[in-house]
């Protein structure tokens, strides 16, 4: 291995460490607690080293979010392929999405609430984000009928995001979680013609 390759590998390892540590700090204490100073102390690098990887805290949050979309895509894929019927696959994907949001609130916040400099809904969107969205497109394909597939995927994703966000804020009656999910799935299934 050349010196250049070793340096690139070490840089990539530092990058991963910074992202993982920021994610862990946010899940434990919230994003307010993730400052560049505290993060530099935690990873045992100086702030200038941290800034050589990320120009700001926002860039760190964006990197965490992009990694999170990769994790989400993987979980949605596993849920989608776990059932043969399109309706049950959609239900499994919806459940997986809501479980992901509930189990990783700070990560979900980085992905969908924090202001980040990441392109959504375009060809410039990061691959992990596109992969997560494509899981919705794929699961909805047999259910879309004459409806625009990507618009349907956006509506379902938006609906699930609303449920996740309102549930996290204790704004919905928890005992009716399954009723809400059934209503959403039933509307998608009824609309295919």
N, C-alpha and C. Protein backbone atom coordinates (compact mmCIF):
# COMPACT_ATOMS: atom_id res chain seq x y z
N UNK A 1 0.84 -1.17 0.00
CA UNK A 1 0.00 0.00 0.00
C UNK A 1 0.89 1.24 0.00
N UNK A 2 0.54 2.17 -0.87
CA UNK A 2 1.34 3.39 -0.96
C UNK A 2 1.01 4.32 0.21
N UNK A 3 1.88 5.29 0.41
CA UNK A 3 1.68 6.28 1.46
C UNK A 3 0.38 7.04 1.20
N UNK A 4 0.14 7.38 -0.06
CA UNK A 4 -1.08 8.10 -0.43
C UNK A 4 -2.33 7.28 -0.11
N UNK A 5 -2.31 6.00 -0.43
CA UNK A 5 -3.45 5.13 -0.14
C UNK A 5 -3.69 5.02 1.36
N UNK A 6 -2.60 4.90 2.11
CA UNK A 6 -2.72 4.81 3.57
C UNK A 6 -3.33 6.09 4.13
N UNK A 7 -2.89 7.24 3.64
CA UNK A 7 -3.43 8.52 4.10
C UNK A 7 -4.92 8.64 3.75
N UNK A 8 -5.29 8.22 2.57
CA UNK A 8 -6.70 8.27 2.17
C UNK A 8 -7.55 7.35 3.04
N UNK A 9 -7.02 6.17 3.35
CA UNK A 9 -7.74 5.24 4.22
C UNK A 9 -7.90 5.83 5.62
N UNK A 10 -6.83 6.41 6.15
CA UNK A 10 -6.90 7.02 7.48
C UNK A 10 -7.88 8.19 7.50
N UNK A 11 -7.90 8.97 6.44
CA UNK A 11 -8.84 10.09 6.34
C UNK A 11 -10.27 9.58 6.32
N UNK A 12 -10.53 8.53 5.56
CA UNK A 12 -11.87 7.94 5.50
C UNK A 12 -12.28 7.39 6.85
N UNK A 13 -11.34 6.79 7.57
CA UNK A 13 -11.64 6.26 8.91
C UNK A 13 -11.96 7.39 9.89
N UNK A 14 -11.21 8.51 9.81
CA UNK A 14 -11.51 9.67 10.67
C UNK A 14 -12.89 10.22 10.35
N UNK A 15 -13.20 10.30 9.06
CA UNK A 15 -14.51 10.79 8.62
C UNK A 15 -15.62 9.93 9.23
N UNK A 16 -15.49 8.61 9.10
CA UNK A 16 -16.51 7.70 9.65
C UNK A 16 -16.62 7.85 11.16
N UNK A 17 -15.49 7.98 11.83
CA UNK A 17 -15.50 8.14 13.29
C UNK A 17 -16.24 9.41 13.69
N UNK A 18 -15.99 10.49 13.00
CA UNK A 18 -16.65 11.76 13.32
C UNK A 18 -18.15 11.64 13.12
N UNK A 19 -18.58 11.07 12.00
CA UNK A 19 -20.01 10.91 11.71
C UNK A 19 -20.66 10.00 12.75
N UNK A 20 -20.04 8.87 13.04
CA UNK A 20 -20.61 7.92 13.99
C UNK A 20 -20.70 8.54 15.39
N UNK A 21 -19.67 9.25 15.79
CA UNK A 21 -19.67 9.86 17.12
C UNK A 21 -20.72 10.96 17.22
N UNK A 22 -20.86 11.76 16.18
CA UNK A 22 -21.90 12.80 16.18
C UNK A 22 -23.28 12.16 16.30
N UNK A 23 -23.48 11.09 15.58
CA UNK A 23 -24.77 10.37 15.62
C UNK A 23 -25.04 9.83 17.02
N UNK A 24 -24.03 9.23 17.64
CA UNK A 24 -24.20 8.68 18.99
C UNK A 24 -24.48 9.79 20.01
N UNK A 25 -23.75 10.91 19.89
CA UNK A 25 -23.96 12.02 20.81
C UNK A 25 -25.38 12.57 20.66
N UNK A 26 -25.83 12.72 19.42
CA UNK A 26 -27.17 13.26 19.18
C UNK A 26 -28.24 12.33 19.73
N UNK A 27 -28.08 11.04 19.53
CA UNK A 27 -29.09 10.10 20.05
C UNK A 27 -29.11 10.11 21.58
N UNK A 28 -27.96 10.29 22.19
CA UNK A 28 -27.88 10.28 23.65
C UNK A 28 -28.34 11.59 24.28
N UNK A 29 -28.01 12.73 23.62
CA UNK A 29 -28.22 14.02 24.27
C UNK A 29 -28.94 15.06 23.42
N UNK A 30 -29.28 14.74 22.17
CA UNK A 30 -29.92 15.70 21.27
C UNK A 30 -28.90 16.46 20.45
N UNK A 31 -29.35 17.02 19.34
CA UNK A 31 -28.44 17.73 18.44
C UNK A 31 -27.86 19.00 19.05
N UNK A 32 -28.57 19.60 20.02
CA UNK A 32 -28.04 20.81 20.66
C UNK A 32 -26.71 20.52 21.34
N UNK A 33 -26.54 19.29 21.81
CA UNK A 33 -25.31 18.94 22.54
C UNK A 33 -24.13 18.67 21.61
N UNK A 34 -24.39 18.53 20.34
CA UNK A 34 -23.31 18.22 19.39
C UNK A 34 -22.71 19.53 18.90
N UNK A 35 -21.64 19.92 19.54
CA UNK A 35 -20.89 21.09 19.11
C UNK A 35 -19.56 20.61 18.54
N UNK A 36 -18.96 21.42 17.72
CA UNK A 36 -17.68 21.00 17.13
C UNK A 36 -16.63 20.82 18.23
N UNK A 37 -16.69 21.63 19.25
CA UNK A 37 -15.73 21.49 20.36
C UNK A 37 -15.92 20.16 21.08
N UNK A 38 -17.14 19.86 21.47
CA UNK A 38 -17.40 18.59 22.18
C UNK A 38 -17.11 17.40 21.29
N UNK A 39 -17.46 17.51 20.02
CA UNK A 39 -17.22 16.42 19.09
C UNK A 39 -15.71 16.20 18.91
N UNK A 40 -14.95 17.27 18.77
CA UNK A 40 -13.49 17.14 18.63
C UNK A 40 -12.89 16.47 19.87
N UNK A 41 -13.37 16.87 21.05
CA UNK A 41 -12.89 16.22 22.28
C UNK A 41 -13.22 14.74 22.29
N UNK A 42 -14.44 14.42 21.90
CA UNK A 42 -14.90 13.03 21.95
C UNK A 42 -14.11 12.14 20.99
N UNK A 43 -13.81 12.62 19.80
CA UNK A 43 -13.08 11.80 18.83
C UNK A 43 -11.56 11.93 19.00
N UNK A 44 -11.15 12.83 19.91
CA UNK A 44 -9.75 13.04 20.23
C UNK A 44 -8.94 13.56 19.04
N UNK A 45 -9.55 14.50 18.34
CA UNK A 45 -8.87 15.24 17.27
C UNK A 45 -9.06 16.71 17.57
N UNK A 46 -8.19 17.52 17.04
CA UNK A 46 -8.34 18.96 17.24
C UNK A 46 -9.49 19.48 16.37
N UNK A 47 -10.00 20.66 16.73
CA UNK A 47 -11.05 21.26 15.91
C UNK A 47 -10.58 21.52 14.48
N UNK A 48 -9.34 21.95 14.25
CA UNK A 48 -8.89 22.11 12.86
C UNK A 48 -8.95 20.80 12.06
N UNK A 49 -8.65 19.68 12.70
CA UNK A 49 -8.76 18.39 12.00
C UNK A 49 -10.22 18.12 11.67
N UNK A 50 -11.09 18.40 12.63
CA UNK A 50 -12.53 18.23 12.39
C UNK A 50 -12.98 19.09 11.21
N UNK A 51 -12.54 20.35 11.20
CA UNK A 51 -12.92 21.26 10.12
C UNK A 51 -12.26 20.90 8.79
N UNK A 52 -11.21 20.10 8.82
CA UNK A 52 -10.63 19.65 7.55
C UNK A 52 -11.52 18.60 6.89
N UNK A 53 -12.40 18.00 7.67
CA UNK A 53 -13.35 17.02 7.14
C UNK A 53 -14.71 17.65 6.86
N UNK A 54 -15.14 18.56 7.70
CA UNK A 54 -16.47 19.17 7.60
C UNK A 54 -16.36 20.66 7.83
N UNK A 55 -16.98 21.44 6.95
CA UNK A 55 -16.84 22.90 7.06
C UNK A 55 -17.68 23.49 8.19
N UNK A 56 -18.67 22.71 8.69
CA UNK A 56 -19.54 23.23 9.74
C UNK A 56 -20.28 22.08 10.42
N UNK A 57 -20.95 22.43 11.50
CA UNK A 57 -21.80 21.44 12.15
C UNK A 57 -22.88 20.97 11.19
N UNK A 58 -23.41 21.87 10.39
CA UNK A 58 -24.43 21.50 9.42
C UNK A 58 -23.95 20.44 8.45
N UNK A 59 -22.69 20.51 8.05
CA UNK A 59 -22.12 19.50 7.16
C UNK A 59 -22.02 18.15 7.86
N UNK A 60 -21.76 18.18 9.16
CA UNK A 60 -21.72 16.93 9.93
C UNK A 60 -23.13 16.34 10.02
N UNK A 61 -24.11 17.17 10.30
CA UNK A 61 -25.50 16.71 10.37
C UNK A 61 -25.92 16.13 9.02
N UNK A 62 -25.53 16.78 7.94
CA UNK A 62 -25.86 16.27 6.59
C UNK A 62 -25.22 14.90 6.36
N UNK A 63 -23.98 14.73 6.78
CA UNK A 63 -23.31 13.43 6.61
C UNK A 63 -24.01 12.35 7.43
N UNK A 64 -24.43 12.70 8.64
CA UNK A 64 -25.19 11.75 9.47
C UNK A 64 -26.50 11.39 8.77
N UNK A 65 -27.18 12.40 8.24
CA UNK A 65 -28.46 12.16 7.55
C UNK A 65 -28.27 11.24 6.35
N UNK A 66 -27.25 11.48 5.56
CA UNK A 66 -27.01 10.66 4.37
C UNK A 66 -26.75 9.21 4.77
N UNK A 67 -25.95 9.01 5.82
CA UNK A 67 -25.75 7.65 6.33
C UNK A 67 -27.07 7.05 6.79
N UNK A 68 -27.88 7.87 7.44
CA UNK A 68 -29.18 7.41 7.92
C UNK A 68 -30.08 6.94 6.79
N UNK A 69 -30.04 7.63 5.66
CA UNK A 69 -30.85 7.19 4.52
C UNK A 69 -30.40 5.83 4.02
N UNK A 70 -29.11 5.58 4.11
CA UNK A 70 -28.62 4.25 3.74
C UNK A 70 -29.15 3.18 4.67
N UNK A 71 -29.14 3.47 5.98
CA UNK A 71 -29.70 2.53 6.95
C UNK A 71 -31.19 2.32 6.71
N UNK A 72 -31.90 3.43 6.45
CA UNK A 72 -33.33 3.33 6.20
C UNK A 72 -33.61 2.50 4.95
N UNK A 73 -32.87 2.73 3.89
CA UNK A 73 -33.07 1.99 2.64
C UNK A 73 -32.92 0.50 2.88
N UNK A 74 -31.92 0.14 3.64
CA UNK A 74 -31.68 -1.27 3.96
C UNK A 74 -32.86 -1.87 4.73
N UNK A 75 -33.35 -1.15 5.72
CA UNK A 75 -34.47 -1.66 6.52
C UNK A 75 -35.77 -1.72 5.71
N UNK A 76 -35.99 -0.73 4.86
CA UNK A 76 -37.19 -0.76 4.02
C UNK A 76 -37.12 -1.91 3.02
N UNK A 77 -35.93 -2.15 2.48
CA UNK A 77 -35.74 -3.27 1.55
C UNK A 77 -36.05 -4.59 2.24
N UNK A 78 -35.49 -4.79 3.42
CA UNK A 78 -35.76 -6.03 4.17
C UNK A 78 -37.25 -6.20 4.43
N UNK A 79 -37.91 -5.13 4.79
CA UNK A 79 -39.35 -5.20 5.05
C UNK A 79 -40.11 -5.53 3.77
N UNK A 80 -39.73 -4.88 2.68
CA UNK A 80 -40.44 -5.07 1.40
C UNK A 80 -40.35 -6.50 0.90
N UNK A 81 -39.18 -7.09 1.00
CA UNK A 81 -39.02 -8.45 0.45
C UNK A 81 -39.49 -9.54 1.41
N UNK A 82 -39.94 -9.15 2.59
CA UNK A 82 -40.37 -10.14 3.58
C UNK A 82 -41.77 -10.68 3.32
N UNK A 83 -42.48 -10.11 2.35
CA UNK A 83 -43.85 -10.54 2.04
C UNK A 83 -44.03 -10.65 0.52
N UNK A 84 -44.89 -11.55 0.12
CA UNK A 84 -45.14 -11.72 -1.31
C UNK A 84 -46.25 -10.81 -1.81
N UNK A 85 -47.28 -10.60 -1.00
CA UNK A 85 -48.40 -9.79 -1.48
C UNK A 85 -48.02 -8.31 -1.45
N UNK A 86 -48.40 -7.56 -2.47
CA UNK A 86 -48.07 -6.13 -2.52
C UNK A 86 -48.61 -5.36 -1.31
N UNK A 87 -49.82 -5.70 -0.88
CA UNK A 87 -50.41 -5.00 0.27
C UNK A 87 -49.61 -5.25 1.54
N UNK A 88 -49.23 -6.50 1.76
CA UNK A 88 -48.47 -6.83 2.97
C UNK A 88 -47.06 -6.26 2.91
N UNK A 89 -46.49 -6.20 1.71
CA UNK A 89 -45.17 -5.57 1.56
C UNK A 89 -45.26 -4.10 1.90
N UNK A 90 -46.30 -3.42 1.42
CA UNK A 90 -46.46 -2.00 1.73
C UNK A 90 -46.66 -1.81 3.23
N UNK A 91 -47.45 -2.64 3.84
CA UNK A 91 -47.67 -2.56 5.29
C UNK A 91 -46.35 -2.75 6.03
N UNK A 92 -45.56 -3.71 5.60
CA UNK A 92 -44.27 -3.97 6.25
C UNK A 92 -43.32 -2.78 6.08
N UNK A 93 -43.31 -2.17 4.90
CA UNK A 93 -42.47 -1.00 4.66
C UNK A 93 -42.93 0.16 5.54
N UNK A 94 -44.23 0.37 5.62
CA UNK A 94 -44.76 1.45 6.47
C UNK A 94 -44.39 1.21 7.93
N UNK A 95 -44.56 -0.02 8.39
CA UNK A 95 -44.17 -0.35 9.77
C UNK A 95 -42.69 -0.12 10.00
N UNK A 96 -41.87 -0.54 9.05
CA UNK A 96 -40.42 -0.38 9.19
C UNK A 96 -40.04 1.10 9.24
N UNK A 97 -40.68 1.90 8.42
CA UNK A 97 -40.41 3.34 8.40
C UNK A 97 -40.74 3.96 9.76
N UNK A 98 -41.91 3.66 10.27
CA UNK A 98 -42.34 4.24 11.54
C UNK A 98 -41.49 3.72 12.70
N UNK A 99 -41.09 2.47 12.65
CA UNK A 99 -40.22 1.91 13.68
C UNK A 99 -38.84 2.61 13.63
N UNK A 100 -38.32 2.79 12.42
CA UNK A 100 -37.03 3.49 12.24
C UNK A 100 -37.10 4.87 12.89
N UNK A 101 -38.15 5.62 12.58
CA UNK A 101 -38.31 6.98 13.13
C UNK A 101 -38.41 6.96 14.64
N UNK A 102 -39.14 5.99 15.18
CA UNK A 102 -39.33 5.92 16.63
C UNK A 102 -38.11 5.47 17.39
N UNK A 103 -37.32 4.59 16.78
CA UNK A 103 -36.15 4.03 17.47
C UNK A 103 -34.91 4.91 17.36
N UNK A 104 -34.88 5.81 16.39
CA UNK A 104 -33.71 6.67 16.16
C UNK A 104 -34.15 8.12 16.00
N UNK A 105 -34.70 8.71 17.04
CA UNK A 105 -35.27 10.05 16.89
C UNK A 105 -34.27 11.12 16.45
N UNK A 106 -33.05 11.10 16.95
CA UNK A 106 -32.09 12.13 16.55
C UNK A 106 -31.64 11.93 15.10
N UNK A 107 -31.47 10.69 14.70
CA UNK A 107 -31.10 10.41 13.31
C UNK A 107 -32.23 10.85 12.39
N UNK A 108 -33.45 10.49 12.75
CA UNK A 108 -34.62 10.89 11.95
C UNK A 108 -34.71 12.41 11.86
N UNK A 109 -34.42 13.07 12.98
CA UNK A 109 -34.43 14.53 13.01
C UNK A 109 -33.39 15.08 12.04
N UNK A 110 -32.21 14.49 12.01
CA UNK A 110 -31.17 14.94 11.07
C UNK A 110 -31.62 14.75 9.63
N UNK A 111 -32.30 13.66 9.36
CA UNK A 111 -32.72 13.33 8.01
C UNK A 111 -33.86 14.22 7.51
N UNK A 112 -34.79 14.59 8.41
CA UNK A 112 -36.02 15.22 7.95
C UNK A 112 -36.39 16.56 8.59
N UNK A 113 -35.73 16.93 9.66
CA UNK A 113 -36.14 18.15 10.35
C UNK A 113 -35.04 19.21 10.32
N UNK A 114 -33.82 18.83 10.63
CA UNK A 114 -32.70 19.77 10.63
C UNK A 114 -32.50 20.35 9.22
N UNK A 115 -32.10 21.58 9.17
CA UNK A 115 -31.77 22.19 7.88
C UNK A 115 -30.42 21.65 7.43
N UNK A 116 -30.43 20.96 6.31
CA UNK A 116 -29.18 20.42 5.78
C UNK A 116 -29.07 20.77 4.30
N UNK A 117 -27.85 20.85 3.85
CA UNK A 117 -27.59 21.19 2.46
C UNK A 117 -27.50 19.90 1.65
N UNK A 118 -28.66 19.28 1.44
CA UNK A 118 -28.77 18.04 0.68
C UNK A 118 -29.92 18.20 -0.29
N UNK A 119 -29.69 17.81 -1.52
CA UNK A 119 -30.72 17.92 -2.55
C UNK A 119 -31.71 16.77 -2.45
N UNK A 120 -32.98 17.11 -2.31
CA UNK A 120 -34.04 16.11 -2.27
C UNK A 120 -34.81 16.16 -3.58
N UNK A 121 -35.24 15.00 -4.05
CA UNK A 121 -36.13 14.95 -5.21
C UNK A 121 -35.50 15.38 -6.51
N UNK A 122 -34.20 15.16 -6.66
CA UNK A 122 -33.55 15.53 -7.92
C UNK A 122 -32.50 14.49 -8.27
N UNK A 123 -31.99 14.58 -9.45
CA UNK A 123 -30.92 13.68 -9.87
C UNK A 123 -29.64 13.90 -9.08
N UNK A 124 -29.56 15.02 -8.36
CA UNK A 124 -28.38 15.32 -7.54
C UNK A 124 -28.51 14.80 -6.12
N UNK A 125 -29.63 14.15 -5.80
CA UNK A 125 -29.82 13.61 -4.47
C UNK A 125 -28.78 12.52 -4.21
N UNK A 126 -28.27 12.44 -2.97
CA UNK A 126 -27.30 11.39 -2.66
C UNK A 126 -27.88 9.99 -2.93
N UNK A 127 -27.01 9.06 -3.26
CA UNK A 127 -27.44 7.69 -3.59
C UNK A 127 -28.25 7.06 -2.47
N UNK A 128 -27.85 7.28 -1.20
CA UNK A 128 -28.58 6.68 -0.09
C UNK A 128 -30.02 7.21 -0.02
N UNK A 129 -30.19 8.49 -0.27
CA UNK A 129 -31.52 9.09 -0.27
C UNK A 129 -32.35 8.51 -1.42
N UNK A 130 -31.75 8.41 -2.60
CA UNK A 130 -32.45 7.82 -3.74
C UNK A 130 -32.83 6.37 -3.46
N UNK A 131 -31.95 5.63 -2.79
CA UNK A 131 -32.23 4.22 -2.49
C UNK A 131 -33.44 4.09 -1.55
N UNK A 132 -33.51 4.95 -0.54
CA UNK A 132 -34.65 4.91 0.38
C UNK A 132 -35.94 5.25 -0.36
N UNK A 133 -35.92 6.30 -1.17
CA UNK A 133 -37.11 6.67 -1.93
C UNK A 133 -37.50 5.56 -2.90
N UNK A 134 -36.52 4.94 -3.53
CA UNK A 134 -36.81 3.86 -4.48
C UNK A 134 -37.47 2.66 -3.83
N UNK A 135 -37.25 2.46 -2.55
CA UNK A 135 -37.96 1.37 -1.86
C UNK A 135 -39.46 1.65 -1.83
N UNK A 136 -39.84 2.92 -1.66
CA UNK A 136 -41.26 3.28 -1.73
C UNK A 136 -41.79 3.09 -3.14
N UNK A 137 -41.03 3.54 -4.12
CA UNK A 137 -41.45 3.39 -5.52
C UNK A 137 -41.65 1.92 -5.85
N UNK A 138 -40.70 1.09 -5.44
CA UNK A 138 -40.76 -0.34 -5.76
C UNK A 138 -41.94 -1.03 -5.09
N UNK A 139 -42.17 -0.72 -3.82
CA UNK A 139 -43.27 -1.38 -3.12
C UNK A 139 -44.63 -0.92 -3.64
N UNK A 140 -44.68 0.31 -4.15
CA UNK A 140 -45.96 0.85 -4.64
C UNK A 140 -46.24 0.51 -6.10
N UNK A 141 -45.23 0.09 -6.84
CA UNK A 141 -45.41 -0.18 -8.28
C UNK A 141 -46.62 -1.07 -8.56
N UNK A 142 -46.79 -2.21 -7.90
CA UNK A 142 -47.95 -3.05 -8.23
C UNK A 142 -49.28 -2.50 -7.72
N UNK A 143 -49.23 -1.44 -6.93
CA UNK A 143 -50.45 -0.87 -6.35
C UNK A 143 -50.84 0.47 -6.97
N UNK A 144 -49.99 1.02 -7.81
CA UNK A 144 -50.19 2.38 -8.31
C UNK A 144 -51.33 2.51 -9.30
N UNK A 145 -51.59 1.48 -10.08
CA UNK A 145 -52.62 1.60 -11.11
C UNK A 145 -52.26 2.70 -12.09
N UNK A 146 -53.19 3.60 -12.36
CA UNK A 146 -52.97 4.70 -13.31
C UNK A 146 -52.33 5.93 -12.66
N UNK A 147 -52.12 5.89 -11.37
CA UNK A 147 -51.55 7.04 -10.66
C UNK A 147 -50.06 7.18 -10.96
N UNK A 148 -49.58 8.42 -10.89
CA UNK A 148 -48.16 8.66 -11.08
C UNK A 148 -47.40 8.02 -9.91
N UNK A 149 -46.52 7.09 -10.23
CA UNK A 149 -45.85 6.28 -9.22
C UNK A 149 -45.00 7.11 -8.26
N UNK A 150 -44.21 8.02 -8.78
CA UNK A 150 -43.34 8.80 -7.90
C UNK A 150 -44.14 9.78 -7.04
N UNK A 151 -45.22 10.33 -7.58
CA UNK A 151 -46.07 11.21 -6.77
C UNK A 151 -46.75 10.41 -5.66
N UNK A 152 -47.19 9.21 -5.98
CA UNK A 152 -47.79 8.35 -4.97
C UNK A 152 -46.77 8.03 -3.88
N UNK A 153 -45.55 7.74 -4.27
CA UNK A 153 -44.49 7.46 -3.30
C UNK A 153 -44.25 8.67 -2.40
N UNK A 154 -44.26 9.87 -2.99
CA UNK A 154 -44.08 11.08 -2.19
C UNK A 154 -45.23 11.28 -1.20
N UNK A 155 -46.44 10.99 -1.62
CA UNK A 155 -47.59 11.15 -0.73
C UNK A 155 -47.53 10.15 0.42
N UNK A 156 -47.18 8.91 0.11
CA UNK A 156 -47.07 7.90 1.18
C UNK A 156 -45.94 8.27 2.13
N UNK A 157 -44.79 8.64 1.58
CA UNK A 157 -43.67 9.03 2.43
C UNK A 157 -44.07 10.22 3.30
N UNK A 158 -44.74 11.20 2.71
CA UNK A 158 -45.19 12.37 3.47
C UNK A 158 -46.17 11.98 4.57
N UNK A 159 -47.08 11.09 4.25
CA UNK A 159 -48.06 10.64 5.25
C UNK A 159 -47.38 9.94 6.41
N UNK A 160 -46.45 9.06 6.08
CA UNK A 160 -45.72 8.35 7.14
C UNK A 160 -44.88 9.32 7.96
N UNK A 161 -44.29 10.30 7.29
CA UNK A 161 -43.51 11.31 8.02
C UNK A 161 -44.42 12.06 8.99
N UNK A 162 -45.61 12.42 8.54
CA UNK A 162 -46.55 13.11 9.42
C UNK A 162 -46.92 12.27 10.62
N UNK A 163 -47.19 11.00 10.39
CA UNK A 163 -47.52 10.10 11.50
C UNK A 163 -46.34 9.99 12.45
N UNK A 164 -45.14 9.81 11.90
CA UNK A 164 -43.94 9.68 12.74
C UNK A 164 -43.71 10.93 13.57
N UNK A 165 -43.81 12.10 12.94
CA UNK A 165 -43.54 13.36 13.62
C UNK A 165 -44.60 13.66 14.68
N UNK A 166 -45.84 13.47 14.33
CA UNK A 166 -46.91 13.71 15.30
C UNK A 166 -46.88 12.71 16.45
N UNK A 167 -46.53 11.48 16.14
CA UNK A 167 -46.41 10.46 17.21
C UNK A 167 -45.27 10.80 18.15
N UNK A 168 -44.14 11.23 17.60
CA UNK A 168 -42.98 11.58 18.43
C UNK A 168 -43.31 12.75 19.36
N UNK A 169 -44.16 13.64 18.90
CA UNK A 169 -44.56 14.79 19.72
C UNK A 169 -45.76 14.52 20.59
N UNK A 170 -46.18 13.25 20.67
CA UNK A 170 -47.35 12.85 21.46
C UNK A 170 -48.59 13.63 21.05
N UNK A 171 -48.76 13.80 19.74
CA UNK A 171 -49.90 14.55 19.20
C UNK A 171 -50.99 13.63 18.65
N UNK A 172 -50.72 12.32 18.65
CA UNK A 172 -51.71 11.35 18.16
C UNK A 172 -52.03 10.35 19.27
N UNK A 173 -53.22 9.80 19.19
CA UNK A 173 -53.62 8.79 20.17
C UNK A 173 -52.88 7.48 19.87
N UNK A 174 -51.98 7.05 20.75
CA UNK A 174 -51.15 5.88 20.47
C UNK A 174 -51.96 4.60 20.23
N UNK A 175 -53.09 4.48 20.89
CA UNK A 175 -53.89 3.26 20.74
C UNK A 175 -54.51 3.13 19.35
N UNK A 176 -54.48 4.19 18.56
CA UNK A 176 -55.05 4.15 17.21
C UNK A 176 -53.98 4.09 16.11
N UNK A 177 -52.78 3.75 16.50
CA UNK A 177 -51.69 3.65 15.52
C UNK A 177 -52.05 2.71 14.38
N UNK A 178 -52.50 1.53 14.70
CA UNK A 178 -52.81 0.54 13.67
C UNK A 178 -54.00 0.98 12.81
N UNK A 179 -54.95 1.64 13.40
CA UNK A 179 -56.11 2.15 12.64
C UNK A 179 -55.64 3.14 11.59
N UNK A 180 -54.77 4.07 11.99
CA UNK A 180 -54.24 5.06 11.03
C UNK A 180 -53.49 4.38 9.90
N UNK A 181 -52.66 3.42 10.25
CA UNK A 181 -51.88 2.72 9.23
C UNK A 181 -52.80 1.94 8.29
N UNK A 182 -53.81 1.29 8.84
CA UNK A 182 -54.78 0.55 8.00
C UNK A 182 -55.51 1.49 7.04
N UNK A 183 -55.91 2.67 7.53
CA UNK A 183 -56.58 3.64 6.67
C UNK A 183 -55.69 4.07 5.51
N UNK A 184 -54.44 4.32 5.81
CA UNK A 184 -53.50 4.74 4.77
C UNK A 184 -53.30 3.64 3.73
N UNK A 185 -53.06 2.43 4.18
CA UNK A 185 -52.83 1.30 3.27
C UNK A 185 -54.09 1.03 2.46
N UNK A 186 -55.25 1.06 3.12
CA UNK A 186 -56.52 0.81 2.41
C UNK A 186 -56.75 1.83 1.31
N UNK A 187 -56.39 3.09 1.53
CA UNK A 187 -56.56 4.12 0.51
C UNK A 187 -55.66 3.85 -0.71
N UNK A 188 -54.46 3.41 -0.46
CA UNK A 188 -53.53 3.11 -1.56
C UNK A 188 -54.07 1.93 -2.37
N UNK A 189 -54.48 0.88 -1.67
CA UNK A 189 -54.96 -0.34 -2.33
C UNK A 189 -56.24 -0.05 -3.09
N UNK A 190 -57.16 0.71 -2.49
CA UNK A 190 -58.45 1.01 -3.15
C UNK A 190 -58.27 1.87 -4.40
N UNK A 191 -57.20 2.64 -4.45
CA UNK A 191 -56.98 3.55 -5.58
C UNK A 191 -56.41 2.89 -6.82
N UNK A 192 -55.97 1.66 -6.71
CA UNK A 192 -55.41 1.01 -7.91
C UNK A 192 -56.57 0.49 -8.76
N UNK A 193 -56.57 0.84 -9.98
CA UNK A 193 -57.62 0.38 -10.90
C UNK A 193 -57.04 0.05 -12.23
